[in-house]
Amino acid sequence: LMNVLGFALAYAMLTWFIVAVMARRP
């Protein structure tokens, strides 16, 4: 998705997923 959404948005989505879903943080 990086070339479609841009690095910043794709990275933010990945980071959110890892922190919220994988690590189960608030």
PDB file of all heavy atoms in Angstrom:
ATOM      1  N   LEU A   1       0.798  -1.227   0.000  1.00  0.00           N
ATOM      2  CA  LEU A   1       0.000   0.000   0.000  1.00  0.00           C
ATOM      3  C   LEU A   1       0.831   1.278   0.000  1.00  0.00           C
ATOM      4  O   LEU A   1       0.289   2.365  -0.163  1.00  0.00           O
ATOM      5  CB  LEU A   1      -0.936   0.000   1.213  1.00  0.00           C
ATOM      6  CG  LEU A   1      -2.064  -1.020   1.177  1.00  0.00           C
ATOM      7  CD1 LEU A   1      -2.796  -1.046   2.513  1.00  0.00           C
ATOM      8  CD2 LEU A   1      -3.015  -0.706   0.040  1.00  0.00           C
ATOM      9  N   MET A   2       2.136   1.153   0.186  1.00  0.00           N
ATOM     10  CA  MET A   2       2.977   2.333   0.313  1.00  0.00           C
ATOM     11  C   MET A   2       2.907   3.262  -0.881  1.00  0.00           C
ATOM     12  O   MET A   2       2.833   4.479  -0.734  1.00  0.00           O
ATOM     13  CB  MET A   2       4.419   1.911   0.559  1.00  0.00           C
ATOM     14  CG  MET A   2       5.015   2.562   1.760  1.00  0.00           C
ATOM     15  SD  MET A   2       6.648   1.948   2.057  1.00  0.00           S
ATOM     16  CE  MET A   2       6.336   1.038   3.549  1.00  0.00           C
ATOM     17  N   ASN A   3       2.917   2.721  -2.088  1.00  0.00           N
ATOM     18  CA  ASN A   3       2.875   3.577  -3.276  1.00  0.00           C
ATOM     19  C   ASN A   3       1.487   4.144  -3.523  1.00  0.00           C
ATOM     20  O   ASN A   3       1.345   5.144  -4.221  1.00  0.00           O
ATOM     21  CB  ASN A   3       3.358   2.812  -4.507  1.00  0.00           C
ATOM     22  CG  ASN A   3       4.854   2.614  -4.484  1.00  0.00           C
ATOM     23  OD1 ASN A   3       5.585   3.438  -3.943  1.00  0.00           O
ATOM     24  ND2 ASN A   3       5.317   1.517  -5.036  1.00  0.00           N
ATOM     25  N   VAL A   4       0.462   3.529  -2.958  1.00  0.00           N
ATOM     26  CA  VAL A   4      -0.904   4.016  -3.137  1.00  0.00           C
ATOM     27  C   VAL A   4      -1.237   5.054  -2.068  1.00  0.00           C
ATOM     28  O   VAL A   4      -1.704   6.152  -2.371  1.00  0.00           O
ATOM     29  CB  VAL A   4      -1.909   2.847  -3.085  1.00  0.00           C
ATOM     30  CG1 VAL A   4      -3.334   3.357  -3.178  1.00  0.00           C
ATOM     31  CG2 VAL A   4      -1.619   1.845  -4.182  1.00  0.00           C
ATOM     32  N   LEU A   5      -1.011   4.714  -0.809  1.00  0.00           N
ATOM     33  CA  LEU A   5      -1.370   5.585   0.311  1.00  0.00           C
ATOM     34  C   LEU A   5      -0.251   6.525   0.738  1.00  0.00           C
ATOM     35  O   LEU A   5      -0.487   7.493   1.445  1.00  0.00           O
ATOM     36  CB  LEU A   5      -1.788   4.740   1.517  1.00  0.00           C
ATOM     37  CG  LEU A   5      -2.962   3.786   1.322  1.00  0.00           C
ATOM     38  CD1 LEU A   5      -3.192   2.974   2.584  1.00  0.00           C
ATOM     39  CD2 LEU A   5      -4.207   4.561   0.940  1.00  0.00           C
ATOM     40  N   GLY A   6       0.975   6.216   0.359  1.00  0.00           N
ATOM     41  CA  GLY A   6       2.130   6.975   0.812  1.00  0.00           C
ATOM     42  C   GLY A   6       2.749   6.300   2.029  1.00  0.00           C
ATOM     43  O   GLY A   6       2.086   5.545   2.749  1.00  0.00           O
ATOM     44  N   PHE A   7       4.029   6.570   2.233  1.00  0.00           N
ATOM     45  CA  PHE A   7       4.747   5.928   3.328  1.00  0.00           C
ATOM     46  C   PHE A   7       4.130   6.264   4.675  1.00  0.00           C
ATOM     47  O   PHE A   7       3.925   5.383   5.507  1.00  0.00           O
ATOM     48  CB  PHE A   7       6.226   6.336   3.328  1.00  0.00           C
ATOM     49  CG  PHE A   7       6.973   5.762   4.497  1.00  0.00           C
ATOM     50  CD1 PHE A   7       7.512   4.496   4.422  1.00  0.00           C
ATOM     51  CD2 PHE A   7       7.112   6.476   5.684  1.00  0.00           C
ATOM     52  CE1 PHE A   7       8.176   3.948   5.499  1.00  0.00           C
ATOM     53  CE2 PHE A   7       7.777   5.940   6.764  1.00  0.00           C
ATOM     54  CZ  PHE A   7       8.320   4.674   6.670  1.00  0.00           C
ATOM     55  N   ALA A   8       3.855   7.543   4.901  1.00  0.00           N
ATOM     56  CA  ALA A   8       3.401   7.979   6.224  1.00  0.00           C
ATOM     57  C   ALA A   8       2.104   7.280   6.633  1.00  0.00           C
ATOM     58  O   ALA A   8       2.000   6.755   7.751  1.00  0.00           O
ATOM     59  CB  ALA A   8       3.214   9.495   6.245  1.00  0.00           C
ATOM     60  N   LEU A   9       1.137   7.231   5.759  1.00  0.00           N
ATOM     61  CA  LEU A   9      -0.145   6.612   6.092  1.00  0.00           C
ATOM     62  C   LEU A   9      -0.017   5.091   6.209  1.00  0.00           C
ATOM     63  O   LEU A   9      -0.568   4.483   7.132  1.00  0.00           O
ATOM     64  CB  LEU A   9      -1.207   6.990   5.063  1.00  0.00           C
ATOM     65  CG  LEU A   9      -2.630   6.539   5.364  1.00  0.00           C
ATOM     66  CD1 LEU A   9      -3.079   7.045   6.736  1.00  0.00           C
ATOM     67  CD2 LEU A   9      -3.578   7.039   4.293  1.00  0.00           C
ATOM     68  N   ALA A  10       0.711   4.466   5.284  1.00  0.00           N
ATOM     69  CA  ALA A  10       0.891   3.009   5.340  1.00  0.00           C
ATOM     70  C   ALA A  10       1.643   2.615   6.610  1.00  0.00           C
ATOM     71  O   ALA A  10       1.281   1.649   7.291  1.00  0.00           O
ATOM     72  CB  ALA A  10       1.630   2.519   4.100  1.00  0.00           C
ATOM     73  N   TYR A  11       2.683   3.386   6.955  1.00  0.00           N
ATOM     74  CA  TYR A  11       3.447   3.097   8.171  1.00  0.00           C
ATOM     75  C   TYR A  11       2.586   3.316   9.415  1.00  0.00           C
ATOM     76  O   TYR A  11       2.637   2.515  10.354  1.00  0.00           O
ATOM     77  CB  TYR A  11       4.701   3.977   8.228  1.00  0.00           C
ATOM     78  CG  TYR A  11       5.473   3.814   9.506  1.00  0.00           C
ATOM     79  CD1 TYR A  11       6.316   2.736   9.690  1.00  0.00           C
ATOM     80  CD2 TYR A  11       5.332   4.728  10.556  1.00  0.00           C
ATOM     81  CE1 TYR A  11       7.015   2.569  10.870  1.00  0.00           C
ATOM     82  CE2 TYR A  11       6.020   4.564  11.729  1.00  0.00           C
ATOM     83  CZ  TYR A  11       6.863   3.485  11.884  1.00  0.00           C
ATOM     84  OH  TYR A  11       7.539   3.327  13.058  1.00  0.00           O
ATOM     85  N   ALA A  12       1.809   4.376   9.427  1.00  0.00           N
ATOM     86  CA  ALA A  12       0.940   4.645  10.575  1.00  0.00           C
ATOM     87  C   ALA A  12      -0.086   3.525  10.753  1.00  0.00           C
ATOM     88  O   ALA A  12      -0.353   3.094  11.879  1.00  0.00           O
ATOM     89  CB  ALA A  12       0.234   5.995  10.403  1.00  0.00           C
ATOM     90  N   MET A  13      -0.644   3.031   9.649  1.00  0.00           N
ATOM     91  CA  MET A  13      -1.607   1.934   9.739  1.00  0.00           C
ATOM     92  C   MET A  13      -0.946   0.658  10.258  1.00  0.00           C
ATOM     93  O   MET A  13      -1.510  -0.049  11.098  1.00  0.00           O
ATOM     94  CB  MET A  13      -2.251   1.687   8.368  1.00  0.00           C
ATOM     95  CG  MET A  13      -3.195   2.793   7.950  1.00  0.00           C
ATOM     96  SD  MET A  13      -3.742   2.679   6.230  1.00  0.00           S
ATOM     97  CE  MET A  13      -4.493   1.075   6.197  1.00  0.00           C
ATOM     98  N   LEU A  14       0.254   0.356   9.776  1.00  0.00           N
ATOM     99  CA  LEU A  14       0.983  -0.826  10.246  1.00  0.00           C
ATOM    100  C   LEU A  14       1.299  -0.701  11.728  1.00  0.00           C
ATOM    101  O   LEU A  14       1.086  -1.639  12.506  1.00  0.00           O
ATOM    102  CB  LEU A  14       2.278  -1.017   9.455  1.00  0.00           C
ATOM    103  CG  LEU A  14       3.214  -2.118   9.977  1.00  0.00           C
ATOM    104  CD1 LEU A  14       2.581  -3.491   9.782  1.00  0.00           C
ATOM    105  CD2 LEU A  14       4.569  -2.034   9.300  1.00  0.00           C
ATOM    106  N   THR A  15       1.776   0.456  12.135  1.00  0.00           N
ATOM    107  CA  THR A  15       2.122   0.672  13.536  1.00  0.00           C
ATOM    108  C   THR A  15       0.895   0.565  14.419  1.00  0.00           C
ATOM    109  O   THR A  15       0.929  -0.072  15.481  1.00  0.00           O
ATOM    110  CB  THR A  15       2.797   2.047  13.713  1.00  0.00           C
ATOM    111  OG1 THR A  15       3.923   2.116  12.825  1.00  0.00           O
ATOM    112  CG2 THR A  15       3.264   2.255  15.130  1.00  0.00           C
ATOM    113  N   TRP A  16      -0.205   1.181  13.992  1.00  0.00           N
ATOM    114  CA  TRP A  16      -1.449   1.068  14.761  1.00  0.00           C
ATOM    115  C   TRP A  16      -1.848  -0.397  14.915  1.00  0.00           C
ATOM    116  O   TRP A  16      -2.202  -0.846  15.996  1.00  0.00           O
ATOM    117  CB  TRP A  16      -2.586   1.850  14.092  1.00  0.00           C
ATOM    118  CG  TRP A  16      -3.886   1.571  14.764  1.00  0.00           C
ATOM    119  CD1 TRP A  16      -4.391   2.189  15.865  1.00  0.00           C
ATOM    120  CD2 TRP A  16      -4.818   0.546  14.411  1.00  0.00           C
ATOM    121  NE1 TRP A  16      -5.583   1.605  16.215  1.00  0.00           N
ATOM    122  CE2 TRP A  16      -5.868   0.596  15.350  1.00  0.00           C
ATOM    123  CE3 TRP A  16      -4.868  -0.408  13.413  1.00  0.00           C
ATOM    124  CZ2 TRP A  16      -6.948  -0.281  15.292  1.00  0.00           C
ATOM    125  CZ3 TRP A  16      -5.929  -1.276  13.355  1.00  0.00           C
ATOM    126  CH2 TRP A  16      -6.969  -1.198  14.299  1.00  0.00           C
ATOM    127  N   PHE A  17      -1.801  -1.154  13.822  1.00  0.00           N
ATOM    128  CA  PHE A  17      -2.194  -2.562  13.855  1.00  0.00           C
ATOM    129  C   PHE A  17      -1.323  -3.352  14.838  1.00  0.00           C
ATOM    130  O   PHE A  17      -1.837  -4.129  15.641  1.00  0.00           O
ATOM    131  CB  PHE A  17      -2.090  -3.172  12.453  1.00  0.00           C
ATOM    132  CG  PHE A  17      -2.429  -4.632  12.427  1.00  0.00           C
ATOM    133  CD1 PHE A  17      -3.750  -5.053  12.421  1.00  0.00           C
ATOM    134  CD2 PHE A  17      -1.430  -5.584  12.421  1.00  0.00           C
ATOM    135  CE1 PHE A  17      -4.060  -6.395  12.408  1.00  0.00           C
ATOM    136  CE2 PHE A  17      -1.725  -6.930  12.402  1.00  0.00           C
ATOM    137  CZ  PHE A  17      -3.052  -7.338  12.401  1.00  0.00           C
ATOM    138  N   ILE A  18      -0.026  -3.152  14.785  1.00  0.00           N
ATOM    139  CA  ILE A  18       0.867  -3.907  15.663  1.00  0.00           C
ATOM    140  C   ILE A  18       0.639  -3.532  17.125  1.00  0.00           C
ATOM    141  O   ILE A  18       0.576  -4.398  17.994  1.00  0.00           O
ATOM    142  CB  ILE A  18       2.339  -3.706  15.249  1.00  0.00           C
ATOM    143  CG1 ILE A  18       2.572  -4.419  13.913  1.00  0.00           C
ATOM    144  CG2 ILE A  18       3.286  -4.229  16.313  1.00  0.00           C
ATOM    145  CD1 ILE A  18       3.924  -4.182  13.313  1.00  0.00           C
ATOM    146  N   VAL A  19       0.485  -2.244  17.400  1.00  0.00           N
ATOM    147  CA  VAL A  19       0.304  -1.815  18.791  1.00  0.00           C
ATOM    148  C   VAL A  19      -1.092  -2.160  19.309  1.00  0.00           C
ATOM    149  O   VAL A  19      -1.241  -2.723  20.393  1.00  0.00           O
ATOM    150  CB  VAL A  19       0.592  -0.296  18.935  1.00  0.00           C
ATOM    151  CG1 VAL A  19       0.281   0.187  20.335  1.00  0.00           C
ATOM    152  CG2 VAL A  19       2.046   0.000  18.583  1.00  0.00           C
ATOM    153  N   ALA A  20      -2.130  -1.847  18.539  1.00  0.00           N
ATOM    154  CA  ALA A  20      -3.508  -2.039  19.015  1.00  0.00           C
ATOM    155  C   ALA A  20      -3.963  -3.492  18.946  1.00  0.00           C
ATOM    156  O   ALA A  20      -4.546  -4.006  19.894  1.00  0.00           O
ATOM    157  CB  ALA A  20      -4.472  -1.167  18.214  1.00  0.00           C
ATOM    158  N   VAL A  21      -3.682  -4.152  17.828  1.00  0.00           N
ATOM    159  CA  VAL A  21      -4.207  -5.503  17.623  1.00  0.00           C
ATOM    160  C   VAL A  21      -3.240  -6.559  18.142  1.00  0.00           C
ATOM    161  O   VAL A  21      -3.630  -7.428  18.927  1.00  0.00           O
ATOM    162  CB  VAL A  21      -4.533  -5.731  16.128  1.00  0.00           C
ATOM    163  CG1 VAL A  21      -5.010  -7.155  15.893  1.00  0.00           C
ATOM    164  CG2 VAL A  21      -5.577  -4.730  15.657  1.00  0.00           C
ATOM    165  N   MET A  22      -1.987  -6.483  17.724  1.00  0.00           N
ATOM    166  CA  MET A  22      -1.034  -7.526  18.100  1.00  0.00           C
ATOM    167  C   MET A  22      -0.609  -7.405  19.573  1.00  0.00           C
ATOM    168  O   MET A  22      -0.545  -8.398  20.277  1.00  0.00           O
ATOM    169  CB  MET A  22       0.205  -7.476  17.202  1.00  0.00           C
ATOM    170  CG  MET A  22      -0.104  -7.640  15.730  1.00  0.00           C
ATOM    171  SD  MET A  22      -0.913  -9.180  15.293  1.00  0.00           S
ATOM    172  CE  MET A  22       0.328 -10.363  15.665  1.00  0.00           C
ATOM    173  N   ALA A  23      -0.304  -6.186  20.021  1.00  0.00           N
ATOM    174  CA  ALA A  23       0.149  -5.991  21.401  1.00  0.00           C
ATOM    175  C   ALA A  23      -1.007  -5.707  22.358  1.00  0.00           C
ATOM    176  O   ALA A  23      -0.797  -5.606  23.563  1.00  0.00           O
ATOM    177  CB  ALA A  23       1.165  -4.859  21.467  1.00  0.00           C
ATOM    178  N   ARG A  24      -2.208  -5.520  21.826  1.00  0.00           N
ATOM    179  CA  ARG A  24      -3.429  -5.290  22.615  1.00  0.00           C
ATOM    180  C   ARG A  24      -3.285  -4.115  23.593  1.00  0.00           C
ATOM    181  O   ARG A  24      -3.589  -4.215  24.768  1.00  0.00           O
ATOM    182  CB  ARG A  24      -3.820  -6.566  23.358  1.00  0.00           C
ATOM    183  CG  ARG A  24      -4.162  -7.703  22.429  1.00  0.00           C
ATOM    184  CD  ARG A  24      -4.567  -8.942  23.224  1.00  0.00           C
ATOM    185  NE  ARG A  24      -4.876 -10.037  22.327  1.00  0.00           N
ATOM    186  CZ  ARG A  24      -4.135 -11.118  22.186  1.00  0.00           C
ATOM    187  NH1 ARG A  24      -3.033 -11.260  22.895  1.00  0.00           N
ATOM    188  NH2 ARG A  24      -4.473 -12.078  21.353  1.00  0.00           N
ATOM    189  N   ARG A  25      -2.825  -2.999  23.057  1.00  0.00           N
ATOM    190  CA  ARG A  25      -2.693  -1.784  23.857  1.00  0.00           C
ATOM    191  C   ARG A  25      -3.896  -0.881  23.593  1.00  0.00           C
ATOM    192  O   ARG A  25      -4.540  -0.987  22.553  1.00  0.00           O
ATOM    193  CB  ARG A  25      -1.395  -1.044  23.516  1.00  0.00           C
ATOM    194  CG  ARG A  25      -0.152  -1.831  23.810  1.00  0.00           C
ATOM    195  CD  ARG A  25       0.012  -2.013  25.311  1.00  0.00           C
ATOM    196  NE  ARG A  25       1.221  -2.752  25.623  1.00  0.00           N
ATOM    197  CZ  ARG A  25       1.227  -3.906  26.239  1.00  0.00           C
ATOM    198  NH1 ARG A  25       0.111  -4.474  26.614  1.00  0.00           N
ATOM    199  NH2 ARG A  25       2.353  -4.516  26.509  1.00  0.00           N
ATOM    200  N   PRO A  26      -4.172   0.063  24.488  1.00  0.00           N
ATOM    201  CA  PRO A  26      -5.311   0.972  24.306  1.00  0.00           C
ATOM    202  C   PRO A  26      -5.176   1.804  23.027  1.00  0.00           C
ATOM    203  O   PRO A  26      -4.075   2.101  22.568  1.00  0.00           O
ATOM    204  CB  PRO A  26      -5.254   1.880  25.542  1.00  0.00           C
ATOM    205  CG  PRO A  26      -4.451   1.137  26.541  1.00  0.00           C
ATOM    206  CD  PRO A  26      -3.498   0.276  25.772  1.00  0.00           C
TER     207      PRO A  26
END
